[in-house]
């Protein structure tokens, strides 16, 4: 019998923490001023009326109201167009 327990490998300590990204409030829901609507990386959603984009691309409400989503065509710098989802607070 071994006097000291053999050392093995562990699976702990290597996973990163979840970032909890995604849409937090959906179309038709009420939002307070300063409330987070979407947490994202990059600009999958673009801020519209009464919303602003934070430094980590989070979209939040500037005024109290109801969340609405709209799909529009945005003109890029090279002249091409792409569809974007715009978030508004009415």
PDB file of N, CA and C in Angstrom:
ATOM      1  N   UNK A   1       0.836  -1.189   0.000  1.00  0.00           N
ATOM      2  CA  UNK A   1       0.000   0.000   0.000  1.00  0.00           C
ATOM      3  C   UNK A   1       0.871   1.238   0.000  1.00  0.00           C
ATOM      4  N   UNK A   2       0.424   2.221  -0.735  1.00  0.00           N
ATOM      5  CA  UNK A   2       1.173   3.471  -0.813  1.00  0.00           C
ATOM      6  C   UNK A   2       0.974   4.278   0.451  1.00  0.00           C
ATOM      7  N   UNK A   3       2.048   4.903   0.870  1.00  0.00           N
ATOM      8  CA  UNK A   3       1.978   5.716   2.080  1.00  0.00           C
ATOM      9  C   UNK A   3       1.441   7.120   1.752  1.00  0.00           C
ATOM     10  N   UNK A   4       1.753   7.629   0.523  1.00  0.00           N
ATOM     11  CA  UNK A   4       1.306   8.951   0.094  1.00  0.00           C
ATOM     12  C   UNK A   4       0.373   8.755  -1.096  1.00  0.00           C
ATOM     13  N   UNK A   5      -0.722   9.536  -1.118  1.00  0.00           N
ATOM     14  CA  UNK A   5      -1.672   9.437  -2.222  1.00  0.00           C
ATOM     15  C   UNK A   5      -1.030   9.948  -3.506  1.00  0.00           C
ATOM     16  N   UNK A   6      -1.231   9.244  -4.589  1.00  0.00           N
ATOM     17  CA  UNK A   6      -0.674   9.651  -5.882  1.00  0.00           C
ATOM     18  C   UNK A   6      -1.375  10.910  -6.370  1.00  0.00           C
ATOM     19  N   UNK A   7      -0.599  11.829  -6.933  1.00  0.00           N
ATOM     20  CA  UNK A   7      -1.198  13.064  -7.444  1.00  0.00           C
ATOM     21  C   UNK A   7      -1.737  12.827  -8.841  1.00  0.00           C
ATOM     22  N   UNK A   8      -2.900  13.377  -9.097  1.00  0.00           N
ATOM     23  CA  UNK A   8      -3.527  13.233 -10.403  1.00  0.00           C
ATOM     24  C   UNK A   8      -3.847  14.586 -10.983  1.00  0.00           C
ATOM     25  N   UNK A   9      -4.506  14.580 -12.119  1.00  0.00           N
ATOM     26  CA  UNK A   9      -4.887  15.841 -12.746  1.00  0.00           C
ATOM     27  C   UNK A   9      -6.276  16.232 -12.271  1.00  0.00           C
ATOM     28  N   UNK A  10      -6.560  17.491 -12.381  1.00  0.00           N
ATOM     29  CA  UNK A  10      -7.882  17.998 -12.028  1.00  0.00           C
ATOM     30  C   UNK A  10      -8.464  18.755 -13.212  1.00  0.00           C
ATOM     31  N   UNK A  11      -9.777  18.775 -13.308  1.00  0.00           N
ATOM     32  CA  UNK A  11     -10.448  19.486 -14.386  1.00  0.00           C
ATOM     33  C   UNK A  11     -10.927  20.861 -13.930  1.00  0.00           C
ATOM     34  N   UNK A  12     -10.658  21.221 -12.711  1.00  0.00           N
ATOM     35  CA  UNK A  12     -11.147  22.484 -12.171  1.00  0.00           C
ATOM     36  C   UNK A  12     -10.204  23.633 -12.495  1.00  0.00           C
ATOM     37  N   UNK A  13     -10.736  24.830 -12.508  1.00  0.00           N
ATOM     38  CA  UNK A  13      -9.920  26.023 -12.601  1.00  0.00           C
ATOM     39  C   UNK A  13      -9.568  26.494 -13.997  1.00  0.00           C
ATOM     40  N   UNK A  14     -10.102  25.860 -15.047  1.00  0.00           N
ATOM     41  CA  UNK A  14      -9.730  26.282 -16.396  1.00  0.00           C
ATOM     42  C   UNK A  14     -10.877  26.909 -17.170  1.00  0.00           C
ATOM     43  N   UNK A  15     -12.099  26.725 -16.726  1.00  0.00           N
ATOM     44  CA  UNK A  15     -13.235  27.273 -17.455  1.00  0.00           C
ATOM     45  C   UNK A  15     -13.420  28.742 -17.121  1.00  0.00           C
ATOM     46  N   UNK A  16     -13.750  29.532 -18.137  1.00  0.00           N
ATOM     47  CA  UNK A  16     -14.027  30.944 -17.885  1.00  0.00           C
ATOM     48  C   UNK A  16     -15.467  31.086 -17.370  1.00  0.00           C
ATOM     49  N   UNK A  17     -15.708  32.164 -16.681  1.00  0.00           N
ATOM     50  CA  UNK A  17     -17.028  32.416 -16.126  1.00  0.00           C
ATOM     51  C   UNK A  17     -17.997  32.802 -17.246  1.00  0.00           C
ATOM     52  N   UNK A  18     -19.278  32.438 -17.117  1.00  0.00           N
ATOM     53  CA  UNK A  18     -20.248  32.823 -18.141  1.00  0.00           C
ATOM     54  C   UNK A  18     -20.457  34.328 -18.148  1.00  0.00           C
ATOM     55  N   UNK A  19     -20.697  34.887 -19.323  1.00  0.00           N
ATOM     56  CA  UNK A  19     -20.819  36.336 -19.470  1.00  0.00           C
ATOM     57  C   UNK A  19     -22.267  36.821 -19.480  1.00  0.00           C
ATOM     58  N   UNK A  20     -23.233  35.925 -19.556  1.00  0.00           N
ATOM     59  CA  UNK A  20     -24.660  36.259 -19.486  1.00  0.00           C
ATOM     60  C   UNK A  20     -25.055  37.290 -20.544  1.00  0.00           C
ATOM     61  N   UNK A  21     -24.677  37.021 -21.789  1.00  0.00           N
ATOM     62  CA  UNK A  21     -24.998  37.914 -22.896  1.00  0.00           C
ATOM     63  C   UNK A  21     -26.388  37.604 -23.439  1.00  0.00           C
ATOM     64  N   UNK A  22     -26.941  38.534 -24.202  1.00  0.00           N
ATOM     65  CA  UNK A  22     -28.201  38.292 -24.886  1.00  0.00           C
ATOM     66  C   UNK A  22     -29.216  39.383 -24.640  1.00  0.00           C
ATOM     67  N   UNK A  23     -30.427  39.162 -25.169  1.00  0.00           N
ATOM     68  CA  UNK A  23     -31.525  40.114 -25.030  1.00  0.00           C
ATOM     69  C   UNK A  23     -32.138  39.936 -23.647  1.00  0.00           C
ATOM     70  N   UNK A  24     -32.230  41.027 -22.893  1.00  0.00           N
ATOM     71  CA  UNK A  24     -32.775  40.978 -21.535  1.00  0.00           C
ATOM     72  C   UNK A  24     -34.241  41.396 -21.499  1.00  0.00           C
ATOM     73  N   UNK A  25     -34.638  42.333 -22.351  1.00  0.00           N
ATOM     74  CA  UNK A  25     -36.028  42.770 -22.450  1.00  0.00           C
ATOM     75  C   UNK A  25     -36.474  42.651 -23.904  1.00  0.00           C
ATOM     76  N   UNK A  26     -37.645  42.072 -24.123  1.00  0.00           N
ATOM     77  CA  UNK A  26     -38.131  41.807 -25.466  1.00  0.00           C
ATOM     78  C   UNK A  26     -39.143  42.858 -25.904  1.00  0.00           C
ATOM     79  N   UNK A  27     -39.606  42.733 -27.146  1.00  0.00           N
ATOM     80  CA  UNK A  27     -40.527  43.684 -27.755  1.00  0.00           C
ATOM     81  C   UNK A  27     -41.810  43.793 -26.943  1.00  0.00           C
ATOM     82  N   UNK A  28     -42.194  45.031 -26.594  1.00  0.00           N
ATOM     83  CA  UNK A  28     -43.429  45.265 -25.864  1.00  0.00           C
ATOM     84  C   UNK A  28     -43.267  45.312 -24.353  1.00  0.00           C
ATOM     85  N   UNK A  29     -42.088  45.034 -23.834  1.00  0.00           N
ATOM     86  CA  UNK A  29     -41.879  45.067 -22.390  1.00  0.00           C
ATOM     87  C   UNK A  29     -41.490  46.467 -21.937  1.00  0.00           C
ATOM     88  N   UNK A  30     -41.843  46.795 -20.689  1.00  0.00           N
ATOM     89  CA  UNK A  30     -41.515  48.103 -20.125  1.00  0.00           C
ATOM     90  C   UNK A  30     -40.073  48.119 -19.653  1.00  0.00           C
ATOM     91  N   UNK A  31     -39.450  49.300 -19.757  1.00  0.00           N
ATOM     92  CA  UNK A  31     -38.067  49.472 -19.306  1.00  0.00           C
ATOM     93  C   UNK A  31     -37.973  50.798 -18.569  1.00  0.00           C
ATOM     94  N   UNK A  32     -37.168  50.821 -17.511  1.00  0.00           N
ATOM     95  CA  UNK A  32     -36.917  52.051 -16.783  1.00  0.00           C
ATOM     96  C   UNK A  32     -35.687  52.732 -17.366  1.00  0.00           C
ATOM     97  N   UNK A  33     -35.510  53.998 -17.041  1.00  0.00           N
ATOM     98  CA  UNK A  33     -34.334  54.732 -17.516  1.00  0.00           C
ATOM     99  C   UNK A  33     -33.080  54.102 -16.926  1.00  0.00           C
ATOM    100  N   UNK A  34     -32.106  53.805 -17.761  1.00  0.00           N
ATOM    101  CA  UNK A  34     -30.867  53.161 -17.326  1.00  0.00           C
ATOM    102  C   UNK A  34     -30.929  51.652 -17.333  1.00  0.00           C
ATOM    103  N   UNK A  35     -32.072  51.078 -17.667  1.00  0.00           N
ATOM    104  CA  UNK A  35     -32.230  49.626 -17.682  1.00  0.00           C
ATOM    105  C   UNK A  35     -31.546  49.000 -18.886  1.00  0.00           C
ATOM    106  N   UNK A  36     -30.893  47.854 -18.661  1.00  0.00           N
ATOM    107  CA  UNK A  36     -30.188  47.153 -19.739  1.00  0.00           C
ATOM    108  C   UNK A  36     -31.200  46.415 -20.602  1.00  0.00           C
ATOM    109  N   UNK A  37     -31.109  46.613 -21.909  1.00  0.00           N
ATOM    110  CA  UNK A  37     -31.991  45.926 -22.852  1.00  0.00           C
ATOM    111  C   UNK A  37     -31.257  44.746 -23.475  1.00  0.00           C
ATOM    112  N   UNK A  38     -30.011  44.961 -23.933  1.00  0.00           N
ATOM    113  CA  UNK A  38     -29.231  43.903 -24.590  1.00  0.00           C
ATOM    114  C   UNK A  38     -27.791  43.970 -24.111  1.00  0.00           C
ATOM    115  N   UNK A  39     -27.215  42.806 -23.780  1.00  0.00           N
ATOM    116  CA  UNK A  39     -25.784  42.703 -23.517  1.00  0.00           C
ATOM    117  C   UNK A  39     -25.189  41.911 -24.670  1.00  0.00           C
ATOM    118  N   UNK A  40     -24.161  42.463 -25.328  1.00  0.00           N
ATOM    119  CA  UNK A  40     -23.640  41.848 -26.546  1.00  0.00           C
ATOM    120  C   UNK A  40     -22.157  42.146 -26.712  1.00  0.00           C
ATOM    121  N   UNK A  41     -21.536  41.403 -27.598  1.00  0.00           N
ATOM    122  CA  UNK A  41     -20.166  41.670 -28.040  1.00  0.00           C
ATOM    123  C   UNK A  41     -20.255  42.021 -29.520  1.00  0.00           C
ATOM    124  N   UNK A  42     -19.816  43.209 -29.878  1.00  0.00           N
ATOM    125  CA  UNK A  42     -19.994  43.669 -31.249  1.00  0.00           C
ATOM    126  C   UNK A  42     -21.362  44.305 -31.397  1.00  0.00           C
ATOM    127  N   UNK A  43     -21.696  44.709 -32.611  1.00  0.00           N
ATOM    128  CA  UNK A  43     -22.967  45.397 -32.833  1.00  0.00           C
ATOM    129  C   UNK A  43     -23.940  44.525 -33.610  1.00  0.00           C
ATOM    130  N   UNK A  44     -24.431  43.473 -32.984  1.00  0.00           N
ATOM    131  CA  UNK A  44     -25.488  42.670 -33.589  1.00  0.00           C
ATOM    132  C   UNK A  44     -26.782  43.475 -33.596  1.00  0.00           C
ATOM    133  N   UNK A  45     -27.000  44.263 -32.543  1.00  0.00           N
ATOM    134  CA  UNK A  45     -28.128  45.179 -32.440  1.00  0.00           C
ATOM    135  C   UNK A  45     -27.566  46.595 -32.354  1.00  0.00           C
ATOM    136  N   UNK A  46     -28.286  47.563 -32.933  1.00  0.00           N
ATOM    137  CA  UNK A  46     -27.850  48.954 -32.961  1.00  0.00           C
ATOM    138  C   UNK A  46     -28.819  49.780 -32.124  1.00  0.00           C
ATOM    139  N   UNK A  47     -28.314  50.775 -31.417  1.00  0.00           N
ATOM    140  CA  UNK A  47     -29.180  51.608 -30.589  1.00  0.00           C
ATOM    141  C   UNK A  47     -29.951  52.596 -31.455  1.00  0.00           C
ATOM    142  N   UNK A  48     -31.209  52.828 -31.074  1.00  0.00           N
ATOM    143  CA  UNK A  48     -32.082  53.739 -31.815  1.00  0.00           C
ATOM    144  C   UNK A  48     -32.549  54.873 -30.920  1.00  0.00           C
ATOM    145  N   UNK A  49     -33.840  55.229 -31.014  1.00  0.00           N
ATOM    146  CA  UNK A  49     -34.392  56.329 -30.232  1.00  0.00           C
ATOM    147  C   UNK A  49     -34.425  55.984 -28.748  1.00  0.00           C
ATOM    148  N   UNK A  50     -34.002  56.933 -27.937  1.00  0.00           N
ATOM    149  CA  UNK A  50     -34.016  56.830 -26.471  1.00  0.00           C
ATOM    150  C   UNK A  50     -33.182  55.671 -25.939  1.00  0.00           C
ATOM    151  N   UNK A  51     -32.206  55.208 -26.702  1.00  0.00           N
ATOM    152  CA  UNK A  51     -31.271  54.185 -26.233  1.00  0.00           C
ATOM    153  C   UNK A  51     -29.850  54.635 -26.536  1.00  0.00           C
ATOM    154  N   UNK A  52     -28.905  54.103 -25.769  1.00  0.00           N
ATOM    155  CA  UNK A  52     -27.493  54.402 -25.999  1.00  0.00           C
ATOM    156  C   UNK A  52     -26.693  53.114 -25.891  1.00  0.00           C
ATOM    157  N   UNK A  53     -25.471  53.166 -26.450  1.00  0.00           N
ATOM    158  CA  UNK A  53     -24.561  52.022 -26.424  1.00  0.00           C
ATOM    159  C   UNK A  53     -23.472  52.280 -25.392  1.00  0.00           C
ATOM    160  N   UNK A  54     -23.255  51.315 -24.503  1.00  0.00           N
ATOM    161  CA  UNK A  54     -22.203  51.425 -23.507  1.00  0.00           C
ATOM    162  C   UNK A  54     -20.850  51.054 -24.083  1.00  0.00           C
ATOM    163  N   UNK A  55     -19.810  51.166 -23.266  1.00  0.00           N
ATOM    164  CA  UNK A  55     -18.449  50.884 -23.727  1.00  0.00           C
ATOM    165  C   UNK A  55     -18.238  49.413 -24.060  1.00  0.00           C
ATOM    166  N   UNK A  56     -19.021  48.519 -23.447  1.00  0.00           N
ATOM    167  CA  UNK A  56     -18.921  47.088 -23.762  1.00  0.00           C
ATOM    168  C   UNK A  56     -20.027  46.653 -24.717  1.00  0.00           C
ATOM    169  N   UNK A  57     -20.542  47.596 -25.527  1.00  0.00           N
ATOM    170  CA  UNK A  57     -21.584  47.373 -26.542  1.00  0.00           C
ATOM    171  C   UNK A  57     -22.946  47.030 -25.955  1.00  0.00           C
ATOM    172  N   UNK A  58     -23.139  47.241 -24.647  1.00  0.00           N
ATOM    173  CA  UNK A  58     -24.439  47.036 -24.025  1.00  0.00           C
ATOM    174  C   UNK A  58     -25.381  48.154 -24.453  1.00  0.00           C
ATOM    175  N   UNK A  59     -26.612  47.798 -24.805  1.00  0.00           N
ATOM    176  CA  UNK A  59     -27.615  48.801 -25.169  1.00  0.00           C
ATOM    177  C   UNK A  59     -28.532  48.994 -23.970  1.00  0.00           C
ATOM    178  N   UNK A  60     -28.682  50.261 -23.554  1.00  0.00           N
ATOM    179  CA  UNK A  60     -29.509  50.562 -22.390  1.00  0.00           C
ATOM    180  C   UNK A  60     -30.451  51.721 -22.712  1.00  0.00           C
ATOM    181  N   UNK A  61     -31.500  51.852 -21.900  1.00  0.00           N
ATOM    182  CA  UNK A  61     -32.520  52.871 -22.125  1.00  0.00           C
ATOM    183  C   UNK A  61     -32.115  54.190 -21.496  1.00  0.00           C
ATOM    184  N   UNK A  62     -32.416  55.280 -22.195  1.00  0.00           N
ATOM    185  CA  UNK A  62     -32.169  56.616 -21.666  1.00  0.00           C
ATOM    186  C   UNK A  62     -33.432  57.139 -20.972  1.00  0.00           C
ATOM    187  N   UNK A  63     -34.604  56.790 -21.521  1.00  0.00           N
ATOM    188  CA  UNK A  63     -35.878  57.202 -20.949  1.00  0.00           C
ATOM    189  C   UNK A  63     -36.714  55.977 -20.611  1.00  0.00           C
ATOM    190  N   UNK A  64     -37.708  56.192 -19.780  1.00  0.00           N
ATOM    191  CA  UNK A  64     -38.647  55.126 -19.443  1.00  0.00           C
ATOM    192  C   UNK A  64     -39.628  54.948 -20.589  1.00  0.00           C
ATOM    193  N   UNK A  65     -39.981  53.706 -20.908  1.00  0.00           N
ATOM    194  CA  UNK A  65     -40.913  53.463 -22.001  1.00  0.00           C
ATOM    195  C   UNK A  65     -41.038  51.990 -22.330  1.00  0.00           C
ATOM    196  N   UNK A  66     -41.443  51.700 -23.567  1.00  0.00           N
ATOM    197  CA  UNK A  66     -41.669  50.334 -24.033  1.00  0.00           C
ATOM    198  C   UNK A  66     -40.654  50.013 -25.124  1.00  0.00           C
ATOM    199  N   UNK A  67     -40.059  48.841 -25.039  1.00  0.00           N
ATOM    200  CA  UNK A  67     -39.016  48.406 -25.975  1.00  0.00           C
ATOM    201  C   UNK A  67     -39.653  47.983 -27.298  1.00  0.00           C
ATOM    202  N   UNK A  68     -39.033  48.370 -28.412  1.00  0.00           N
ATOM    203  CA  UNK A  68     -39.468  47.903 -29.724  1.00  0.00           C
ATOM    204  C   UNK A  68     -38.243  47.645 -30.594  1.00  0.00           C
ATOM    205  N   UNK A  69     -38.374  46.682 -31.501  1.00  0.00           N
ATOM    206  CA  UNK A  69     -37.297  46.300 -32.410  1.00  0.00           C
ATOM    207  C   UNK A  69     -37.739  46.576 -33.838  1.00  0.00           C
ATOM    208  N   UNK A  70     -36.766  46.942 -34.693  1.00  0.00           N
ATOM    209  CA  UNK A  70     -37.054  47.238 -36.091  1.00  0.00           C
ATOM    210  C   UNK A  70     -35.858  46.786 -36.927  1.00  0.00           C
ATOM    211  N   UNK A  71     -36.110  46.226 -38.094  1.00  0.00           N
ATOM    212  CA  UNK A  71     -35.041  45.828 -39.002  1.00  0.00           C
ATOM    213  C   UNK A  71     -34.954  46.847 -40.126  1.00  0.00           C
ATOM    214  N   UNK A  72     -33.763  47.418 -40.319  1.00  0.00           N
ATOM    215  CA  UNK A  72     -33.558  48.400 -41.382  1.00  0.00           C
ATOM    216  C   UNK A  72     -32.277  48.079 -42.140  1.00  0.00           C
ATOM    217  N   UNK A  73     -32.106  48.715 -43.294  1.00  0.00           N
ATOM    218  CA  UNK A  73     -30.887  48.556 -44.080  1.00  0.00           C
ATOM    219  C   UNK A  73     -29.943  49.696 -43.729  1.00  0.00           C
ATOM    220  N   UNK A  74     -28.702  49.356 -43.408  1.00  0.00           N
ATOM    221  CA  UNK A  74     -27.700  50.356 -43.046  1.00  0.00           C
ATOM    222  C   UNK A  74     -26.652  50.408 -44.151  1.00  0.00           C
ATOM    223  N   UNK A  75     -26.252  51.622 -44.509  1.00  0.00           N
ATOM    224  CA  UNK A  75     -25.234  51.793 -45.534  1.00  0.00           C
ATOM    225  C   UNK A  75     -23.856  51.706 -44.886  1.00  0.00           C
ATOM    226  N   UNK A  76     -22.990  50.862 -45.423  1.00  0.00           N
ATOM    227  CA  UNK A  76     -21.639  50.687 -44.903  1.00  0.00           C
ATOM    228  C   UNK A  76     -20.690  51.691 -45.575  1.00  0.00           C
ATOM    229  N   UNK A  77     -19.446  51.736 -45.095  1.00  0.00           N
ATOM    230  CA  UNK A  77     -18.467  52.691 -45.620  1.00  0.00           C
ATOM    231  C   UNK A  77     -18.091  52.408 -47.079  1.00  0.00           C
ATOM    232  N   UNK A  78     -18.132  51.148 -47.487  1.00  0.00           N
ATOM    233  CA  UNK A  78     -17.763  50.812 -48.863  1.00  0.00           C
ATOM    234  C   UNK A  78     -18.930  50.941 -49.841  1.00  0.00           C
ATOM    235  N   UNK A  79     -20.058  51.468 -49.369  1.00  0.00           N
ATOM    236  CA  UNK A  79     -21.206  51.677 -50.234  1.00  0.00           C
ATOM    237  C   UNK A  79     -22.204  50.540 -50.224  1.00  0.00           C
ATOM    238  N   UNK A  80     -21.828  49.386 -49.674  1.00  0.00           N
ATOM    239  CA  UNK A  80     -22.758  48.267 -49.621  1.00  0.00           C
ATOM    240  C   UNK A  80     -23.761  48.481 -48.494  1.00  0.00           C
ATOM    241  N   UNK A  81     -24.791  47.679 -48.485  1.00  0.00           N
ATOM    242  CA  UNK A  81     -25.825  47.774 -47.453  1.00  0.00           C
ATOM    243  C   UNK A  81     -25.919  46.453 -46.709  1.00  0.00           C
ATOM    244  N   UNK A  82     -26.281  46.546 -45.427  1.00  0.00           N
ATOM    245  CA  UNK A  82     -26.519  45.345 -44.636  1.00  0.00           C
ATOM    246  C   UNK A  82     -27.717  45.579 -43.737  1.00  0.00           C
ATOM    247  N   UNK A  83     -28.422  44.501 -43.412  1.00  0.00           N
ATOM    248  CA  UNK A  83     -29.586  44.599 -42.538  1.00  0.00           C
ATOM    249  C   UNK A  83     -29.129  44.620 -41.089  1.00  0.00           C
ATOM    250  N   UNK A  84     -29.679  45.544 -40.314  1.00  0.00           N
ATOM    251  CA  UNK A  84     -29.363  45.645 -38.896  1.00  0.00           C
ATOM    252  C   UNK A  84     -30.663  45.685 -38.105  1.00  0.00           C
ATOM    253  N   UNK A  85     -30.598  45.229 -36.864  1.00  0.00           N
ATOM    254  CA  UNK A  85     -31.746  45.288 -35.956  1.00  0.00           C
ATOM    255  C   UNK A  85     -31.549  46.498 -35.054  1.00  0.00           C
ATOM    256  N   UNK A  86     -32.512  47.400 -35.065  1.00  0.00           N
ATOM    257  CA  UNK A  86     -32.434  48.640 -34.296  1.00  0.00           C
ATOM    258  C   UNK A  86     -33.370  48.521 -33.100  1.00  0.00           C
ATOM    259  N   UNK A  87     -32.895  48.965 -31.932  1.00  0.00           N
ATOM    260  CA  UNK A  87     -33.684  48.907 -30.705  1.00  0.00           C
ATOM    261  C   UNK A  87     -34.140  50.314 -30.346  1.00  0.00           C
ATOM    262  N   UNK A  88     -35.452  50.497 -30.137  1.00  0.00           N
ATOM    263  CA  UNK A  88     -36.021  51.784 -29.752  1.00  0.00           C
ATOM    264  C   UNK A  88     -36.743  51.644 -28.421  1.00  0.00           C
ATOM    265  N   UNK A  89     -36.885  52.771 -27.722  1.00  0.00           N
ATOM    266  CA  UNK A  89     -37.745  52.849 -26.539  1.00  0.00           C
ATOM    267  C   UNK A  89     -38.747  53.958 -26.823  1.00  0.00           C
ATOM    268  N   UNK A  90     -40.023  53.597 -26.813  1.00  0.00           N
ATOM    269  CA  UNK A  90     -41.088  54.573 -27.130  1.00  0.00           C
ATOM    270  C   UNK A  90     -41.786  54.999 -25.868  1.00  0.00           C
TER     271      UNK A  90
END
